[in-house]
Amino acid sequence: MWREARLAFTDSLAALDCSVVPAHPWIHGLGQQTDNGAYLSPVNAIHYLAERLAGTGGNTDVVIMMVTGQTHENFMKGLNSLVDVFPA
């Protein structure tokens, strides 16, 4: 079940190498364009990300964060809030 949560990291967390692999409805061929706007289901996003990450090789830990919005402006507002906490 999806739920809103507040995350925090301790100062003892070891340094990490991270990559950002976006999946959003404005990627050509990924999202669905409707009269109400652009839409990307969580299932389609996960399939897309699995294909993109399949060639990384070795053991990899993956964290997926989903940001939603009714409009592009609303989506970007939510994304900006996430980037404030997890800068790329």
PDB file of N, CA and C in Angstrom:
ATOM      1  N   MET A   1       0.835  -1.172   0.000  1.00  0.00           N
ATOM      2  CA  MET A   1       0.000   0.000   0.000  1.00  0.00           C
ATOM      3  C   MET A   1       0.881   1.236   0.000  1.00  0.00           C
ATOM      4  N   TRP A   2       0.559   2.230  -0.793  1.00  0.00           N
ATOM      5  CA  TRP A   2       1.308   3.478  -0.845  1.00  0.00           C
ATOM      6  C   TRP A   2       0.946   4.325   0.362  1.00  0.00           C
ATOM      7  N   ARG A   3       1.930   5.015   0.885  1.00  0.00           N
ATOM      8  CA  ARG A   3       1.662   5.942   1.977  1.00  0.00           C
ATOM      9  C   ARG A   3       2.710   7.039   1.951  1.00  0.00           C
ATOM     10  N   GLU A   4       2.346   8.188   2.455  1.00  0.00           N
ATOM     11  CA  GLU A   4       3.286   9.296   2.562  1.00  0.00           C
ATOM     12  C   GLU A   4       4.160   9.065   3.781  1.00  0.00           C
ATOM     13  N   ALA A   5       5.456   9.361   3.654  1.00  0.00           N
ATOM     14  CA  ALA A   5       6.383   9.148   4.767  1.00  0.00           C
ATOM     15  C   ALA A   5       7.451  10.225   4.759  1.00  0.00           C
ATOM     16  N   ARG A   6       8.020  10.500   5.906  1.00  0.00           N
ATOM     17  CA  ARG A   6       9.130  11.440   6.044  1.00  0.00           C
ATOM     18  C   ARG A   6      10.378  10.612   6.297  1.00  0.00           C
ATOM     19  N   LEU A   7      11.416  10.827   5.470  1.00  0.00           N
ATOM     20  CA  LEU A   7      12.663  10.076   5.571  1.00  0.00           C
ATOM     21  C   LEU A   7      13.767  10.959   6.132  1.00  0.00           C
ATOM     22  N   ALA A   8      14.684  10.365   6.875  1.00  0.00           N
ATOM     23  CA  ALA A   8      15.838  11.097   7.414  1.00  0.00           C
ATOM     24  C   ALA A   8      17.029  10.151   7.464  1.00  0.00           C
ATOM     25  N   PHE A   9      18.226  10.696   7.271  1.00  0.00           N
ATOM     26  CA  PHE A   9      19.457   9.914   7.309  1.00  0.00           C
ATOM     27  C   PHE A   9      20.313  10.365   8.484  1.00  0.00           C
ATOM     28  N   THR A  10      21.005   9.414   9.091  1.00  0.00           N
ATOM     29  CA  THR A  10      21.914   9.760  10.179  1.00  0.00           C
ATOM     30  C   THR A  10      23.239  10.228   9.597  1.00  0.00           C
ATOM     31  N   ASP A  11      24.029  10.911  10.408  1.00  0.00           N
ATOM     32  CA  ASP A  11      25.340  11.384   9.967  1.00  0.00           C
ATOM     33  C   ASP A  11      26.321  10.234   9.763  1.00  0.00           C
ATOM     34  N   SER A  12      26.023   9.062  10.290  1.00  0.00           N
ATOM     35  CA  SER A  12      26.934   7.926  10.170  1.00  0.00           C
ATOM     36  C   SER A  12      26.755   7.154   8.860  1.00  0.00           C
ATOM     37  N   LEU A  13      25.880   7.592   7.974  1.00  0.00           N
ATOM     38  CA  LEU A  13      25.665   6.921   6.702  1.00  0.00           C
ATOM     39  C   LEU A  13      26.912   7.051   5.835  1.00  0.00           C
ATOM     40  N   ALA A  14      27.390   5.942   5.301  1.00  0.00           N
ATOM     41  CA  ALA A  14      28.585   5.946   4.450  1.00  0.00           C
ATOM     42  C   ALA A  14      28.284   6.646   3.127  1.00  0.00           C
ATOM     43  N   ALA A  15      29.348   7.157   2.488  1.00  0.00           N
ATOM     44  CA  ALA A  15      29.204   7.829   1.200  1.00  0.00           C
ATOM     45  C   ALA A  15      28.696   6.842   0.149  1.00  0.00           C
ATOM     46  N   LEU A  16      27.887   7.337  -0.784  1.00  0.00           N
ATOM     47  CA  LEU A  16      27.293   6.500  -1.819  1.00  0.00           C
ATOM     48  C   LEU A  16      27.564   7.085  -3.191  1.00  0.00           C
ATOM     49  N   ASP A  17      27.648   6.226  -4.190  1.00  0.00           N
ATOM     50  CA  ASP A  17      27.638   6.657  -5.584  1.00  0.00           C
ATOM     51  C   ASP A  17      26.225   6.438  -6.091  1.00  0.00           C
ATOM     52  N   CYS A  18      25.624   7.480  -6.625  1.00  0.00           N
ATOM     53  CA  CYS A  18      24.226   7.387  -7.039  1.00  0.00           C
ATOM     54  C   CYS A  18      24.053   7.837  -8.483  1.00  0.00           C
ATOM     55  N   SER A  19      23.034   7.318  -9.106  1.00  0.00           N
ATOM     56  CA  SER A  19      22.623   7.735 -10.443  1.00  0.00           C
ATOM     57  C   SER A  19      21.126   7.990 -10.416  1.00  0.00           C
ATOM     58  N   VAL A  20      20.692   8.901 -11.250  1.00  0.00           N
ATOM     59  CA  VAL A  20      19.272   9.179 -11.390  1.00  0.00           C
ATOM     60  C   VAL A  20      18.839   8.661 -12.756  1.00  0.00           C
ATOM     61  N   VAL A  21      17.849   7.787 -12.774  1.00  0.00           N
ATOM     62  CA  VAL A  21      17.286   7.263 -14.020  1.00  0.00           C
ATOM     63  C   VAL A  21      15.807   7.640 -14.016  1.00  0.00           C
ATOM     64  N   PRO A  22      15.431   8.676 -14.767  1.00  0.00           N
ATOM     65  CA  PRO A  22      14.043   9.130 -14.714  1.00  0.00           C
ATOM     66  C   PRO A  22      13.106   8.258 -15.544  1.00  0.00           C
ATOM     67  N   ALA A  23      11.884   8.182 -15.101  1.00  0.00           N
ATOM     68  CA  ALA A  23      10.787   7.584 -15.868  1.00  0.00           C
ATOM     69  C   ALA A  23       9.586   8.486 -15.642  1.00  0.00           C
ATOM     70  N   HIS A  24       9.158   9.176 -16.672  1.00  0.00           N
ATOM     71  CA  HIS A  24       8.020  10.086 -16.541  1.00  0.00           C
ATOM     72  C   HIS A  24       7.180  10.030 -17.812  1.00  0.00           C
ATOM     73  N   PRO A  25       5.950  10.491 -17.745  1.00  0.00           N
ATOM     74  CA  PRO A  25       5.051  10.344 -18.891  1.00  0.00           C
ATOM     75  C   PRO A  25       5.430  11.195 -20.096  1.00  0.00           C
ATOM     76  N   TRP A  26       6.417  12.058 -19.964  1.00  0.00           N
ATOM     77  CA  TRP A  26       6.817  12.898 -21.085  1.00  0.00           C
ATOM     78  C   TRP A  26       7.988  12.302 -21.854  1.00  0.00           C
ATOM     79  N   ILE A  27       8.443  11.090 -21.479  1.00  0.00           N
ATOM     80  CA  ILE A  27       9.444  10.369 -22.270  1.00  0.00           C
ATOM     81  C   ILE A  27       8.712   9.750 -23.457  1.00  0.00           C
ATOM     82  N   HIS A  28       9.197  10.033 -24.659  1.00  0.00           N
ATOM     83  CA  HIS A  28       8.539   9.561 -25.882  1.00  0.00           C
ATOM     84  C   HIS A  28       8.352   8.045 -25.845  1.00  0.00           C
ATOM     85  N   GLY A  29       7.125   7.599 -26.053  1.00  0.00           N
ATOM     86  CA  GLY A  29       6.819   6.181 -26.092  1.00  0.00           C
ATOM     87  C   GLY A  29       6.566   5.542 -24.739  1.00  0.00           C
ATOM     88  N   LEU A  30       6.783   6.258 -23.654  1.00  0.00           N
ATOM     89  CA  LEU A  30       6.590   5.670 -22.326  1.00  0.00           C
ATOM     90  C   LEU A  30       5.233   6.026 -21.742  1.00  0.00           C
ATOM     91  N   GLY A  31       4.928   7.299 -21.691  1.00  0.00           N
ATOM     92  CA  GLY A  31       3.665   7.733 -21.097  1.00  0.00           C
ATOM     93  C   GLY A  31       2.521   7.679 -22.085  1.00  0.00           C
ATOM     94  N   GLN A  32       1.335   7.815 -21.570  1.00  0.00           N
ATOM     95  CA  GLN A  32       0.128   7.873 -22.388  1.00  0.00           C
ATOM     96  C   GLN A  32      -0.391   9.298 -22.374  1.00  0.00           C
ATOM     97  N   GLN A  33      -0.669   9.838 -23.553  1.00  0.00           N
ATOM     98  CA  GLN A  33      -1.234  11.174 -23.662  1.00  0.00           C
ATOM     99  C   GLN A  33      -2.748  11.043 -23.791  1.00  0.00           C
ATOM    100  N   THR A  34      -3.479  11.693 -22.907  1.00  0.00           N
ATOM    101  CA  THR A  34      -4.938  11.659 -22.942  1.00  0.00           C
ATOM    102  C   THR A  34      -5.458  13.087 -23.012  1.00  0.00           C
ATOM    103  N   ASP A  35      -6.763  13.227 -23.141  1.00  0.00           N
ATOM    104  CA  ASP A  35      -7.368  14.563 -23.140  1.00  0.00           C
ATOM    105  C   ASP A  35      -7.125  15.277 -21.816  1.00  0.00           C
ATOM    106  N   ASN A  36      -6.933  14.506 -20.748  1.00  0.00           N
ATOM    107  CA  ASN A  36      -6.710  15.079 -19.420  1.00  0.00           C
ATOM    108  C   ASN A  36      -5.247  15.364 -19.130  1.00  0.00           C
ATOM    109  N   GLY A  37      -4.339  14.970 -20.015  1.00  0.00           N
ATOM    110  CA  GLY A  37      -2.912  15.204 -19.797  1.00  0.00           C
ATOM    111  C   GLY A  37      -2.105  13.943 -20.026  1.00  0.00           C
ATOM    112  N   ALA A  38      -0.920  13.910 -19.455  1.00  0.00           N
ATOM    113  CA  ALA A  38      -0.009  12.773 -19.609  1.00  0.00           C
ATOM    114  C   ALA A  38      -0.139  11.854 -18.401  1.00  0.00           C
ATOM    115  N   TYR A  39       0.009  10.538 -18.645  1.00  0.00           N
ATOM    116  CA  TYR A  39      -0.165   9.562 -17.579  1.00  0.00           C
ATOM    117  C   TYR A  39       0.867   8.459 -17.733  1.00  0.00           C
ATOM    118  N   LEU A  40       1.438   8.019 -16.615  1.00  0.00           N
ATOM    119  CA  LEU A  40       2.349   6.879 -16.581  1.00  0.00           C
ATOM    120  C   LEU A  40       1.984   6.031 -15.372  1.00  0.00           C
ATOM    121  N   SER A  41       1.620   4.784 -15.609  1.00  0.00           N
ATOM    122  CA  SER A  41       1.250   3.912 -14.491  1.00  0.00           C
ATOM    123  C   SER A  41       2.504   3.461 -13.754  1.00  0.00           C
ATOM    124  N   PRO A  42       2.402   3.197 -12.448  1.00  0.00           N
ATOM    125  CA  PRO A  42       3.549   2.679 -11.697  1.00  0.00           C
ATOM    126  C   PRO A  42       4.095   1.382 -12.292  1.00  0.00           C
ATOM    127  N   VAL A  43       3.216   0.502 -12.781  1.00  0.00           N
ATOM    128  CA  VAL A  43       3.660  -0.767 -13.367  1.00  0.00           C
ATOM    129  C   VAL A  43       4.509  -0.518 -14.609  1.00  0.00           C
ATOM    130  N   ASN A  44       4.058   0.373 -15.502  1.00  0.00           N
ATOM    131  CA  ASN A  44       4.832   0.679 -16.706  1.00  0.00           C
ATOM    132  C   ASN A  44       6.150   1.358 -16.356  1.00  0.00           C
ATOM    133  N   ALA A  45       6.151   2.199 -15.342  1.00  0.00           N
ATOM    134  CA  ALA A  45       7.395   2.854 -14.914  1.00  0.00           C
ATOM    135  C   ALA A  45       8.398   1.825 -14.414  1.00  0.00           C
ATOM    136  N   ILE A  46       7.948   0.861 -13.630  1.00  0.00           N
ATOM    137  CA  ILE A  46       8.849  -0.165 -13.093  1.00  0.00           C
ATOM    138  C   ILE A  46       9.399  -1.042 -14.210  1.00  0.00           C
ATOM    139  N   HIS A  47       8.561  -1.419 -15.177  1.00  0.00           N
ATOM    140  CA  HIS A  47       9.050  -2.214 -16.312  1.00  0.00           C
ATOM    141  C   HIS A  47      10.113  -1.443 -17.093  1.00  0.00           C
ATOM    142  N   TYR A  48       9.868  -0.167 -17.329  1.00  0.00           N
ATOM    143  CA  TYR A  48      10.822   0.683 -18.045  1.00  0.00           C
ATOM    144  C   TYR A  48      12.144   0.770 -17.282  1.00  0.00           C
ATOM    145  N   LEU A  49      12.073   1.017 -15.983  1.00  0.00           N
ATOM    146  CA  LEU A  49      13.290   1.130 -15.176  1.00  0.00           C
ATOM    147  C   LEU A  49      14.039  -0.194 -15.112  1.00  0.00           C
ATOM    148  N   ALA A  50      13.318  -1.305 -15.029  1.00  0.00           N
ATOM    149  CA  ALA A  50      13.965  -2.621 -14.999  1.00  0.00           C
ATOM    150  C   ALA A  50      14.753  -2.856 -16.280  1.00  0.00           C
ATOM    151  N   GLU A  51      14.185  -2.479 -17.421  1.00  0.00           N
ATOM    152  CA  GLU A  51      14.898  -2.620 -18.695  1.00  0.00           C
ATOM    153  C   GLU A  51      16.137  -1.738 -18.733  1.00  0.00           C
ATOM    154  N   ARG A  52      16.001  -0.505 -18.258  1.00  0.00           N
ATOM    155  CA  ARG A  52      17.132   0.436 -18.270  1.00  0.00           C
ATOM    156  C   ARG A  52      18.248  -0.011 -17.335  1.00  0.00           C
ATOM    157  N   LEU A  53      17.907  -0.627 -16.211  1.00  0.00           N
ATOM    158  CA  LEU A  53      18.898  -1.003 -15.205  1.00  0.00           C
ATOM    159  C   LEU A  53      19.417  -2.429 -15.367  1.00  0.00           C
ATOM    160  N   ALA A  54      18.856  -3.197 -16.296  1.00  0.00           N
ATOM    161  CA  ALA A  54      19.237  -4.604 -16.458  1.00  0.00           C
ATOM    162  C   ALA A  54      20.710  -4.766 -16.820  1.00  0.00           C
ATOM    163  N   GLY A  55      21.301  -3.817 -17.513  1.00  0.00           N
ATOM    164  CA  GLY A  55      22.683  -3.948 -17.960  1.00  0.00           C
ATOM    165  C   GLY A  55      23.715  -3.393 -17.003  1.00  0.00           C
ATOM    166  N   THR A  56      23.342  -3.072 -15.775  1.00  0.00           N
ATOM    167  CA  THR A  56      24.309  -2.478 -14.847  1.00  0.00           C
ATOM    168  C   THR A  56      25.327  -3.492 -14.362  1.00  0.00           C
ATOM    169  N   GLY A  57      24.980  -4.773 -14.346  1.00  0.00           N
ATOM    170  CA  GLY A  57      25.910  -5.827 -13.935  1.00  0.00           C
ATOM    171  C   GLY A  57      26.172  -5.817 -12.444  1.00  0.00           C
ATOM    172  N   GLY A  58      26.596  -6.952 -11.937  1.00  0.00           N
ATOM    173  CA  GLY A  58      26.922  -7.051 -10.514  1.00  0.00           C
ATOM    174  C   GLY A  58      25.702  -6.886  -9.633  1.00  0.00           C
ATOM    175  N   ASN A  59      25.963  -6.719  -8.355  1.00  0.00           N
ATOM    176  CA  ASN A  59      24.893  -6.489  -7.386  1.00  0.00           C
ATOM    177  C   ASN A  59      24.641  -4.999  -7.269  1.00  0.00           C
ATOM    178  N   THR A  60      23.401  -4.617  -7.367  1.00  0.00           N
ATOM    179  CA  THR A  60      23.034  -3.211  -7.298  1.00  0.00           C
ATOM    180  C   THR A  60      21.828  -3.056  -6.384  1.00  0.00           C
ATOM    181  N   ASP A  61      21.885  -2.078  -5.507  1.00  0.00           N
ATOM    182  CA  ASP A  61      20.726  -1.725  -4.692  1.00  0.00           C
ATOM    183  C   ASP A  61      19.984  -0.602  -5.402  1.00  0.00           C
ATOM    184  N   VAL A  62      18.682  -0.698  -5.440  1.00  0.00           N
ATOM    185  CA  VAL A  62      17.869   0.273  -6.163  1.00  0.00           C
ATOM    186  C   VAL A  62      16.799   0.824  -5.234  1.00  0.00           C
ATOM    187  N   VAL A  63      16.621   2.132  -5.271  1.00  0.00           N
ATOM    188  CA  VAL A  63      15.531   2.795  -4.560  1.00  0.00           C
ATOM    189  C   VAL A  63      14.717   3.536  -5.610  1.00  0.00           C
ATOM    190  N   ILE A  64      13.426   3.292  -5.622  1.00  0.00           N
ATOM    191  CA  ILE A  64      12.544   3.976  -6.558  1.00  0.00           C
ATOM    192  C   ILE A  64      11.622   4.883  -5.760  1.00  0.00           C
ATOM    193  N   MET A  65      11.576   6.152  -6.158  1.00  0.00           N
ATOM    194  CA  MET A  65      10.681   7.116  -5.518  1.00  0.00           C
ATOM    195  C   MET A  65       9.694   7.601  -6.570  1.00  0.00           C
ATOM    196  N   MET A  66       8.429   7.563  -6.230  1.00  0.00           N
ATOM    197  CA  MET A  66       7.391   7.956  -7.166  1.00  0.00           C
ATOM    198  C   MET A  66       6.845   9.323  -6.784  1.00  0.00           C
ATOM    199  N   VAL A  67       6.834  10.221  -7.761  1.00  0.00           N
ATOM    200  CA  VAL A  67       6.270  11.558  -7.583  1.00  0.00           C
ATOM    201  C   VAL A  67       5.086  11.659  -8.535  1.00  0.00           C
ATOM    202  N   THR A  68       3.961  12.135  -8.052  1.00  0.00           N
ATOM    203  CA  THR A  68       2.774  12.249  -8.892  1.00  0.00           C
ATOM    204  C   THR A  68       2.286  13.689  -8.941  1.00  0.00           C
ATOM    205  N   GLY A  69       1.473  13.984  -9.932  1.00  0.00           N
ATOM    206  CA  GLY A  69       0.867  15.297 -10.050  1.00  0.00           C
ATOM    207  C   GLY A  69      -0.237  15.264 -11.087  1.00  0.00           C
ATOM    208  N   GLN A  70      -1.267  16.056 -10.887  1.00  0.00           N
ATOM    209  CA  GLN A  70      -2.379  16.115 -11.838  1.00  0.00           C
ATOM    210  C   GLN A  70      -2.001  16.871 -13.106  1.00  0.00           C
ATOM    211  N   THR A  71      -1.056  17.804 -12.986  1.00  0.00           N
ATOM    212  CA  THR A  71      -0.600  18.594 -14.127  1.00  0.00           C
ATOM    213  C   THR A  71       0.922  18.599 -14.135  1.00  0.00           C
ATOM    214  N   HIS A  72       1.497  19.047 -15.248  1.00  0.00           N
ATOM    215  CA  HIS A  72       2.955  19.146 -15.328  1.00  0.00           C
ATOM    216  C   HIS A  72       3.470  20.091 -14.245  1.00  0.00           C
ATOM    217  N   GLU A  73       2.790  21.207 -14.048  1.00  0.00           N
ATOM    218  CA  GLU A  73       3.194  22.173 -13.021  1.00  0.00           C
ATOM    219  C   GLU A  73       3.143  21.550 -11.627  1.00  0.00           C
ATOM    220  N   ASN A  74       2.085  20.816 -11.343  1.00  0.00           N
ATOM    221  CA  ASN A  74       1.938  20.152 -10.052  1.00  0.00           C
ATOM    222  C   ASN A  74       2.990  19.066  -9.871  1.00  0.00           C
ATOM    223  N   PHE A  75       3.280  18.321 -10.942  1.00  0.00           N
ATOM    224  CA  PHE A  75       4.320  17.291 -10.915  1.00  0.00           C
ATOM    225  C   PHE A  75       5.681  17.918 -10.617  1.00  0.00           C
ATOM    226  N   MET A  76       6.001  19.018 -11.296  1.00  0.00           N
ATOM    227  CA  MET A  76       7.294  19.679 -11.091  1.00  0.00           C
ATOM    228  C   MET A  76       7.412  20.227  -9.674  1.00  0.00           C
ATOM    229  N   LYS A  77       6.325  20.704  -9.098  1.00  0.00           N
ATOM    230  CA  LYS A  77       6.345  21.183  -7.718  1.00  0.00           C
ATOM    231  C   LYS A  77       6.703  20.039  -6.770  1.00  0.00           C
ATOM    232  N   GLY A  78       6.082  18.875  -6.966  1.00  0.00           N
ATOM    233  CA  GLY A  78       6.403  17.708  -6.148  1.00  0.00           C
ATOM    234  C   GLY A  78       7.824  17.236  -6.358  1.00  0.00           C
ATOM    235  N   LEU A  79       8.279  17.263  -7.610  1.00  0.00           N
ATOM    236  CA  LEU A  79       9.646  16.847  -7.922  1.00  0.00           C
ATOM    237  C   LEU A  79      10.656  17.797  -7.291  1.00  0.00           C
ATOM    238  N   ASN A  80      10.394  19.085  -7.340  1.00  0.00           N
ATOM    239  CA  ASN A  80      11.300  20.059  -6.722  1.00  0.00           C
ATOM    240  C   ASN A  80      11.395  19.853  -5.213  1.00  0.00           C
ATOM    241  N   SER A  81      10.293  19.487  -4.582  1.00  0.00           N
ATOM    242  CA  SER A  81      10.333  19.196  -3.142  1.00  0.00           C
ATOM    243  C   SER A  81      11.225  17.998  -2.854  1.00  0.00           C
ATOM    244  N   LEU A  82      11.178  16.995  -3.716  1.00  0.00           N
ATOM    245  CA  LEU A  82      12.024  15.813  -3.549  1.00  0.00           C
ATOM    246  C   LEU A  82      13.492  16.164  -3.770  1.00  0.00           C
ATOM    247  N   VAL A  83      13.768  16.977  -4.772  1.00  0.00           N
ATOM    248  CA  VAL A  83      15.149  17.357  -5.087  1.00  0.00           C
ATOM    249  C   VAL A  83      15.758  18.199  -3.967  1.00  0.00           C
ATOM    250  N   ASP A  84      14.932  18.941  -3.244  1.00  0.00           N
ATOM    251  CA  ASP A  84      15.447  19.703  -2.102  1.00  0.00           C
ATOM    252  C   ASP A  84      16.054  18.780  -1.052  1.00  0.00           C
ATOM    253  N   VAL A  85      15.502  17.567  -0.926  1.00  0.00           N
ATOM    254  CA  VAL A  85      15.969  16.607   0.071  1.00  0.00           C
ATOM    255  C   VAL A  85      17.025  15.675  -0.506  1.00  0.00           C
ATOM    256  N   PHE A  86      16.849  15.263  -1.768  1.00  0.00           N
ATOM    257  CA  PHE A  86      17.758  14.326  -2.431  1.00  0.00           C
ATOM    258  C   PHE A  86      18.343  14.982  -3.678  1.00  0.00           C
ATOM    259  N   PRO A  87      19.313  15.876  -3.530  1.00  0.00           N
ATOM    260  CA  PRO A  87      19.864  16.546  -4.715  1.00  0.00           C
ATOM    261  C   PRO A  87      20.566  15.549  -5.637  1.00  0.00           C
ATOM    262  N   ALA A  88      20.404  15.751  -6.918  1.00  0.00           N
ATOM    263  CA  ALA A  88      21.032  14.861  -7.919  1.00  0.00           C
ATOM    264  C   ALA A  88      22.478  15.257  -8.149  1.00  0.00           C
TER     265      ALA A  88
END
